[in-house]
Structures are given as C-alpha cells and as structure tokens.
Amino acid sequence: MSGSGGGYPSDLADEQWALVEPLLPAARVGPKGGRREKHPRRRIVDAIFYVVWTGCAWRQLPKDFPPWTTVYWYFTWWHDEGTIERVHDTLRGRVREADGRSAETSAGLIDSQSVRTADTVPANTRGFDAGKKVKGRKRFMVTDTLGLLLAVHVVAASIQDRDGAKRSLLWTRLDHPGVQKIWADQGFADRLVE
C-alpha cells in the first residue's frame, strides 16, 4: 500500500510510484509562473486507479481523495495529451525487458469478449451476441505474447469477430509496426484473413 493516503488496494506502492512519477507531464503554469498544484500528484493517480479498480462513478470518490472534479480534470488532460498511453507503453516495455525480451514485440494475439451492459447504455452502442447469448458490448483486445495490452476496441456485441477486429488490428499495426504475426482463433477466419 502507498504511504500517501487511504490505504486502498488500488493505491500505488512506493516502488510503483517511483516508476510512474517521472512519466507524468510537468505541472501547467502560466507565463508568470502560475500557482502551485493544490493536491499531490500521487493522490490524483491513486484516485484514478480507485475509479478504474472499483468501477465507481467519479462523483463517488471517497472524501479522502482530492475532489472528483480535480481528479477527472487530470484524467482528461493526461488522456487527451497521451500521457496515459505513454505510461502504459513505457511500463509494458520495462516488463518485457525484465522478462528478457525486447521492449517491442514482434507477435501478438487477438480475441474478443462479450460483456453485459445495463439497459441505460445507449442502444446504438450495444447489441446481442447470439453465440454467447449476451446483450451488451464486445471488446477486442490485442496483446503481446506475455498478455500485455497492445490495442483494445469496444463495439456492440452484435458485431462479428471478423468485422470488429479490423480496427484493433489497424491500431496495432500503426502503434506497433514491428508486429509481424497475430494469432487468432477460428472466429476471425474467412474475410478478415483475406
């Protein structure tokens, strides 16, 4: 657990924070220097991980975190300017190197998973997967051979694997041009392979 706050299971340990902190962008300041950040970055990151870990709404963050509006502002800033993706890619490369592999992979795997959604999810973003008997969404994931995420794409569950995989494979090709081979099950056969 981190020494910085509430001691939630999602909090970063000191060693983890030491890896993440240098990957975050410098504080935004105005031409005259601006004001210092009011909340510690570590608590902001811990709050983001809490939302991801628990699936709670931003507004339901416990009170020992910074205000949810502040946490959400940092999340959108870091998402929009690519920080989250850079942190993920850097840490994935370090895990691969620690396993004795090159930082970039040359092979991957693709699969899909249908998940139920609430009735409040807009109808145009959900569908019915007849094979799995699931009403909801389908996520397509491309991982390296260690199971580390390379790309993910979410569509309505009614989309066939061979059709829904195209965007995930395109993103993998653009973001990881060294990937030469992708393994897939039979659901991705026929038109996708062609």
Foldseek 3Di string as FASTA:
>chain_A
DDPPWDPDPQQDHPVRCVLLVVLDDDDDADPVGHDDDPDDPSLLVSQVSVCVVPVDDLCPGDPRGPRSVVSVVVVVVCVVVVSVVVSLLVVQLVVQVVVVHGSAAQEKEKDKDFDADDPPPDPQFAAAQVVVRHTGKMKMFIAGPVRRTQFIDIGYNPDQPLVVCVVRVVSSCVVRVNHDYYDYDPSNDDPSVD
